[in-house]
Protein backbone atom coordinates (compact mmCIF):
# COMPACT_ATOMS: atom_id res chain seq x y z
CA UNK A 1 81.90 77.87 86.53
CA UNK A 2 83.84 74.57 86.60
CA UNK A 3 86.39 73.38 89.13
CA UNK A 4 89.10 73.86 86.50
CA UNK A 5 87.97 77.46 85.94
CA UNK A 6 88.11 78.12 89.68
CA UNK A 7 91.59 76.61 89.85
CA UNK A 8 92.76 78.95 87.07
CA UNK A 9 91.21 81.96 88.82
CA UNK A 10 92.90 81.01 92.09
CA UNK A 11 96.25 80.60 90.39
CA UNK A 12 95.88 84.02 88.74
CA UNK A 13 95.01 85.65 92.08
CA UNK A 14 97.96 84.03 93.84
CA UNK A 15 100.34 85.10 91.06
CA UNK A 16 99.19 88.71 91.40
CA UNK A 17 99.59 88.56 95.17
CA UNK A 18 103.12 87.20 94.91
CA UNK A 19 103.93 89.97 92.46
CA UNK A 20 102.76 92.80 94.75
CA UNK A 21 104.06 91.40 98.09
CA UNK A 22 107.62 91.95 99.33
CA UNK A 23 109.82 88.90 98.86
CA UNK A 24 109.78 87.83 102.52
CA UNK A 25 106.01 87.34 102.32
CA UNK A 26 105.64 85.76 98.91
CA UNK A 27 105.69 82.13 100.09
CA UNK A 28 104.46 82.65 103.63
CA UNK A 29 101.76 85.34 103.56
CA UNK A 30 99.04 82.94 104.70
CA UNK A 31 101.06 82.24 107.88
CA UNK A 32 101.41 85.87 108.95
CA UNK A 33 99.46 86.67 112.11
CA UNK A 34 97.73 90.02 112.73
CA UNK A 35 99.66 90.71 115.93
CA UNK A 36 100.72 94.29 116.72
CA UNK A 37 104.18 95.28 117.97
CA UNK A 38 102.65 97.98 120.17
CA UNK A 39 102.74 101.75 119.91
CA UNK A 40 105.94 103.80 119.65
CA UNK A 41 106.25 107.00 121.65
CA UNK A 42 107.05 110.43 120.21
CA UNK A 43 110.54 111.92 120.27
CA UNK A 44 111.23 115.65 120.22
CA UNK A 45 114.11 117.61 118.71
CA UNK A 46 115.84 120.53 120.42
CA UNK A 47 113.45 122.98 118.73
CA UNK A 48 110.50 121.33 120.47
CA UNK A 49 109.09 119.78 117.27
CA UNK A 50 108.47 116.07 116.86
CA UNK A 51 111.51 114.29 115.39
CA UNK A 52 109.44 112.10 113.10
CA UNK A 53 112.49 110.60 111.42
CA UNK A 54 113.88 109.23 114.72
CA UNK A 55 110.87 107.33 115.99
CA UNK A 56 110.85 103.98 114.18
CA UNK A 57 113.56 101.33 113.77
CA UNK A 58 111.15 98.76 112.31
CA UNK A 59 107.48 98.25 111.55
CA UNK A 60 104.71 95.67 112.02
CA UNK A 61 103.98 93.26 109.18
CA UNK A 62 101.97 94.79 106.35
CA UNK A 63 98.22 94.40 106.62
CA UNK A 64 98.47 93.47 102.94
CA UNK A 65 100.44 90.39 104.04
CA UNK A 66 98.07 89.56 106.90
CA UNK A 67 99.63 91.73 109.60
CA UNK A 68 97.61 93.98 111.94
CA UNK A 69 96.02 97.04 110.30
CA UNK A 70 97.64 100.21 111.65
CA UNK A 71 94.20 101.51 112.64
CA UNK A 72 91.47 99.47 114.21
CA UNK A 73 88.84 101.74 112.64
CA UNK A 74 89.05 103.78 109.45
CA UNK A 75 90.81 107.16 109.84
CA UNK A 76 88.85 109.58 107.66
CA UNK A 77 89.42 113.15 106.38
CA UNK A 78 87.48 116.17 107.63
CA UNK A 79 84.36 117.39 105.92
CA UNK A 80 84.23 120.85 104.34
CA UNK A 81 82.10 122.07 107.26
CA UNK A 82 84.61 120.86 109.86
CA UNK A 83 87.44 122.62 108.02
CA UNK A 84 85.51 125.86 107.67
CA UNK A 85 84.70 125.87 111.39
CA UNK A 86 88.42 125.68 112.38
CA UNK A 87 90.56 126.86 109.42
CA UNK A 88 93.62 127.87 111.45
CA UNK A 89 93.81 124.56 113.27
CA UNK A 90 93.30 122.70 110.00
CA UNK A 91 96.27 124.53 108.48
CA UNK A 92 98.43 123.61 111.47
CA UNK A 93 97.52 119.94 111.05
CA UNK A 94 98.23 120.02 107.32
CA UNK A 95 101.61 121.71 107.91
CA UNK A 96 102.66 119.14 110.53
CA UNK A 97 101.58 116.15 108.44
CA UNK A 98 103.50 117.54 105.44
CA UNK A 99 106.58 118.15 107.58
CA UNK A 100 106.43 114.61 108.98
CA UNK A 101 105.79 112.93 105.63
CA UNK A 102 108.79 114.64 104.04
CA UNK A 103 111.02 113.80 107.00
CA UNK A 104 110.22 110.07 106.97
CA UNK A 105 109.96 109.50 103.21
CA UNK A 106 111.87 112.33 101.44
CA UNK A 107 108.75 112.78 99.28
CA UNK A 108 107.34 116.27 98.66
CA UNK A 109 104.06 116.89 100.50
CA UNK A 110 101.69 119.84 100.51
CA UNK A 111 98.02 120.64 101.03
CA UNK A 112 95.88 118.86 98.44
CA UNK A 113 93.64 120.97 96.18
CA UNK A 114 90.87 118.75 97.56
CA UNK A 115 89.83 119.89 101.06
CA UNK A 116 90.53 117.38 103.83
CA UNK A 117 93.65 115.90 102.26
CA UNK A 118 97.44 116.23 102.15
CA UNK A 119 99.03 115.48 98.75
CA UNK A 120 102.21 113.42 98.47
CA UNK A 121 104.17 113.31 95.23
CA UNK A 122 105.38 109.73 94.68
CA UNK A 123 108.21 108.64 92.40
CA UNK A 124 105.80 107.21 89.86
CA UNK A 125 102.30 105.85 89.24
CA UNK A 126 103.33 102.31 90.20
CA UNK A 127 104.48 103.49 93.62
CA UNK A 128 101.33 105.56 94.17
CA UNK A 129 99.15 102.62 93.12
CA UNK A 130 100.90 100.19 95.46
CA UNK A 131 100.87 102.64 98.39
CA UNK A 132 97.14 103.24 97.76
CA UNK A 133 96.34 99.53 98.09
CA UNK A 134 98.63 99.01 101.06
CA UNK A 135 97.41 102.07 103.00
CA UNK A 136 93.74 101.25 102.45
CA UNK A 137 94.38 97.85 104.08
CA UNK A 138 95.96 99.68 107.04
CA UNK A 139 92.55 101.38 107.60
CA UNK A 140 93.64 104.90 106.70
CA UNK A 141 91.61 106.73 104.05
CA UNK A 142 93.64 107.47 100.93
CA UNK A 143 93.13 108.68 97.35
CA UNK A 144 95.33 108.36 94.30
CA UNK A 145 95.59 110.13 90.96
CA UNK A 146 98.54 109.43 88.71
CA UNK A 147 101.67 109.70 90.83
CA UNK A 148 99.89 111.74 93.53
CA UNK A 149 98.69 110.22 96.76
CA UNK A 150 96.26 112.02 99.10
CA UNK A 151 96.29 111.30 102.86
CA UNK A 152 93.58 112.47 105.31
CA UNK A 153 93.73 115.66 107.40
CA UNK A 154 91.30 117.22 109.88
CA UNK A 155 91.32 120.06 112.40
CA UNK A 156 90.41 117.45 115.00
CA UNK A 157 93.60 115.44 114.44
CA UNK A 158 95.95 115.33 117.49
CA UNK A 159 99.70 115.13 117.17
CA UNK A 160 100.09 112.07 119.40
CA UNK A 161 97.14 110.25 117.77
CA UNK A 162 95.79 110.92 114.26
CA UNK A 163 98.70 113.01 112.96
CA UNK A 164 101.07 110.30 114.13
CA UNK A 165 98.81 107.66 112.51
CA UNK A 166 99.01 109.32 109.10
CA UNK A 167 102.77 109.80 109.26
CA UNK A 168 103.32 106.28 110.55
CA UNK A 169 101.29 104.63 107.78
CA UNK A 170 103.14 106.44 104.99
CA UNK A 171 106.47 105.71 106.71
CA UNK A 172 105.59 102.01 107.06
CA UNK A 173 104.38 101.49 103.50
CA UNK A 174 107.22 103.49 101.94
CA UNK A 175 109.65 101.46 104.04
CA UNK A 176 108.37 98.25 102.49
CA UNK A 177 108.12 99.69 98.97
CA UNK A 178 111.60 101.21 98.87
CA UNK A 179 113.46 99.01 101.33
CA UNK A 180 112.05 95.53 100.80
CA UNK A 181 111.39 95.35 97.03
CA UNK A 182 114.05 95.58 94.34
CA UNK A 183 113.62 97.93 91.41
CA UNK A 184 112.82 95.03 89.09
CA UNK A 185 109.84 94.03 91.26
CA UNK A 186 108.62 97.62 91.49
CA UNK A 187 108.65 97.79 87.71
CA UNK A 188 106.76 94.48 87.52
CA UNK A 189 104.11 95.84 89.91
CA UNK A 190 103.65 98.98 87.82
CA UNK A 191 103.28 96.84 84.68
CA UNK A 192 100.78 94.54 86.42
CA UNK A 193 98.61 97.46 87.58
CA UNK A 194 98.61 98.95 84.08
CA UNK A 195 97.74 95.64 82.42
CA UNK A 196 94.94 94.76 84.85
CA UNK A 197 93.44 98.25 84.62
CA UNK A 198 92.95 97.86 80.87
CA UNK A 199 90.36 95.12 81.38
CA UNK A 200 89.15 95.80 84.91
CA UNK A 201 89.77 99.36 86.11
CA UNK A 202 90.34 99.79 89.84
CA UNK A 203 87.21 100.21 91.97
CA UNK A 204 87.82 102.55 94.90
CA UNK A 205 85.34 103.98 97.43
CA UNK A 206 83.47 107.17 96.65
CA UNK A 207 84.82 109.77 99.06
CA UNK A 208 82.57 112.76 98.35
CA UNK A 209 80.78 114.47 101.27
CA UNK A 210 78.25 116.27 99.05
CA UNK A 211 74.61 115.69 100.09
CA UNK A 212 73.56 114.46 96.66
CA UNK A 213 76.44 112.03 96.48
CA UNK A 214 75.64 110.66 99.95
CA UNK A 215 72.05 109.99 98.88
CA UNK A 216 73.21 108.18 95.77
CA UNK A 217 75.71 106.12 97.78
CA UNK A 218 73.00 105.11 100.27
CA UNK A 219 70.81 103.79 97.47
CA UNK A 220 73.71 101.86 95.94
CA UNK A 221 74.71 100.40 99.33
CA UNK A 222 71.30 98.76 99.65
CA UNK A 223 71.50 97.36 96.12
CA UNK A 224 75.04 96.10 96.63
CA UNK A 225 74.28 94.54 100.02
CA UNK A 226 71.30 92.62 98.56
CA UNK A 227 73.31 91.32 95.62
CA UNK A 228 76.16 90.17 97.84
CA UNK A 229 73.82 88.44 100.28
CA UNK A 230 72.07 86.62 97.41
CA UNK A 231 75.37 85.51 95.84
CA UNK A 232 77.40 84.72 98.97
CA UNK A 233 75.15 84.67 102.03
CA UNK A 234 77.30 87.35 103.66
CA UNK A 235 75.27 89.93 105.59
CA UNK A 236 76.06 93.60 105.90
CA UNK A 237 77.41 94.94 109.19
CA UNK A 238 76.24 97.93 111.20
CA UNK A 239 79.39 99.90 110.39
CA UNK A 240 78.82 103.13 108.49
CA UNK A 241 81.59 104.78 106.48
CA UNK A 242 81.30 106.97 103.41
CA UNK A 243 82.09 104.86 100.35
CA UNK A 244 82.29 101.49 102.14
CA UNK A 245 80.01 98.53 102.77
CA UNK A 246 80.90 96.25 105.69
CA UNK A 247 80.23 92.49 105.49
CA UNK A 248 80.27 90.09 108.44
CA UNK A 249 82.72 87.22 107.88
CA UNK A 250 82.93 83.99 109.93
CA UNK A 251 86.55 84.60 110.98
CA UNK A 252 89.49 87.00 110.89
CA UNK A 253 91.35 84.54 108.67
CA UNK A 254 88.52 84.53 106.16
CA UNK A 255 88.28 88.33 106.17
CA UNK A 256 92.04 88.67 105.57
CA UNK A 257 92.04 86.10 102.76
CA UNK A 258 89.11 87.71 100.94
CA UNK A 259 90.50 91.24 101.46
CA UNK A 260 93.72 90.26 99.73
CA UNK A 261 91.90 88.41 96.97
CA UNK A 262 89.66 91.43 96.29
CA UNK A 263 92.67 93.72 96.00
CA UNK A 264 94.28 91.21 93.66
CA UNK A 265 91.06 91.48 91.61
CA UNK A 266 91.59 95.26 91.40
CA UNK A 267 88.89 96.11 93.92
CA UNK A 268 90.07 97.98 97.00
CA UNK A 269 89.22 96.29 100.29
CA UNK A 270 90.07 96.45 103.98
CA UNK A 271 88.93 94.84 107.22
CA UNK A 272 88.13 95.65 110.83
CA UNK A 273 88.28 92.41 112.82
CA UNK A 274 85.97 89.91 111.11
CA UNK A 275 84.27 92.60 109.00
CA UNK A 276 85.35 92.87 105.35
CA UNK A 277 84.80 96.26 103.72
CA UNK A 278 84.25 96.62 99.96
CA UNK A 279 83.96 99.89 98.05
CA UNK A 280 80.76 101.65 97.01
CA UNK A 281 81.20 103.93 94.01
CA UNK A 282 78.27 105.15 91.85
CA UNK A 283 80.69 106.37 89.17
CA UNK A 284 83.11 103.49 88.60
CA UNK A 285 80.62 100.73 89.61
CA UNK A 286 77.17 102.33 89.26
CA UNK A 287 75.10 99.20 89.79
CA UNK A 288 77.51 97.37 92.11
CA UNK A 289 77.91 94.54 89.61
CA UNK A 290 81.70 94.66 89.48
CA UNK A 291 82.12 94.51 93.28
CA UNK A 292 79.41 91.92 93.85
CA UNK A 293 80.59 89.60 91.06
CA UNK A 294 84.24 89.87 92.19
CA UNK A 295 83.24 89.10 95.76
CA UNK A 296 81.07 86.15 94.66
CA UNK A 297 84.11 84.63 92.93
CA UNK A 298 86.44 85.37 95.85
CA UNK A 299 83.93 83.90 98.30
CA UNK A 300 83.62 80.72 96.25
CA UNK A 301 87.42 80.39 96.06
CA UNK A 302 87.71 80.98 99.81
CA UNK A 303 85.25 78.14 100.44
CA UNK A 304 87.22 75.90 98.11
CA UNK A 305 90.45 76.76 99.97
CA UNK A 306 88.82 76.05 103.32
CA UNK A 307 89.40 79.54 104.75
CA UNK A 308 85.68 80.10 105.38
């Protein structure tokens, strides 16, 4: 590919990023630092329940814009076996997450028909699609179908830790979607997602915990890791998450830049420190070609921009 072709690809990526970022980040997202504001304590109402809607006055910068991911490590849903071992506790967790989500967003929330998840009904597919991308970059597992968004739940979740994490991340991302972007921009984002999906459908991680699916994912991870190493020189990390392949990057800045560029290429991505995670999905990307070719382009553009 020629220098001119790379310049066109870079311009297209930057245009998509400016479209999906809130206005305050559109011209300055490369200057945002991943510095956390610190944790906020819980507040309780007179009935003894957490007053989720009274906890936050503001939020850290979006990880999408280069801010600190809400979670340092991926927060994942429970497996079927974990739920079956503690069904009463699981129901309590689901009920509290649903209560908190509705309090902080005004969106309906209920148990998902898929075990291990809480389902949130967004105002439209554009909103669900944007929240999906933003929440993934905050290192919280999430699924999307149409206008529905699924957030993780587990009987092991604690109210002051994981339950709070889930409610915080939906509060944070909804705050930016509804409070920082005008309706015209939200419509433009929905149109962009629809247009991009026609040619390059979104690649998301496979999130099945079935034994057969895990075996298939393991095989694909090896294939994908080899292709990426051959095309970019990036080596896989020792991190192990269902549906994700970790890649060691030279710097946090490089990992952030490539994460954003992958998402702008309609491939979900996230990071933990200097490790960039890309999705593994035997259904939507059965041979890993889409992810590896997208990353090869993004890596080349990152080198050209001097961020690696």
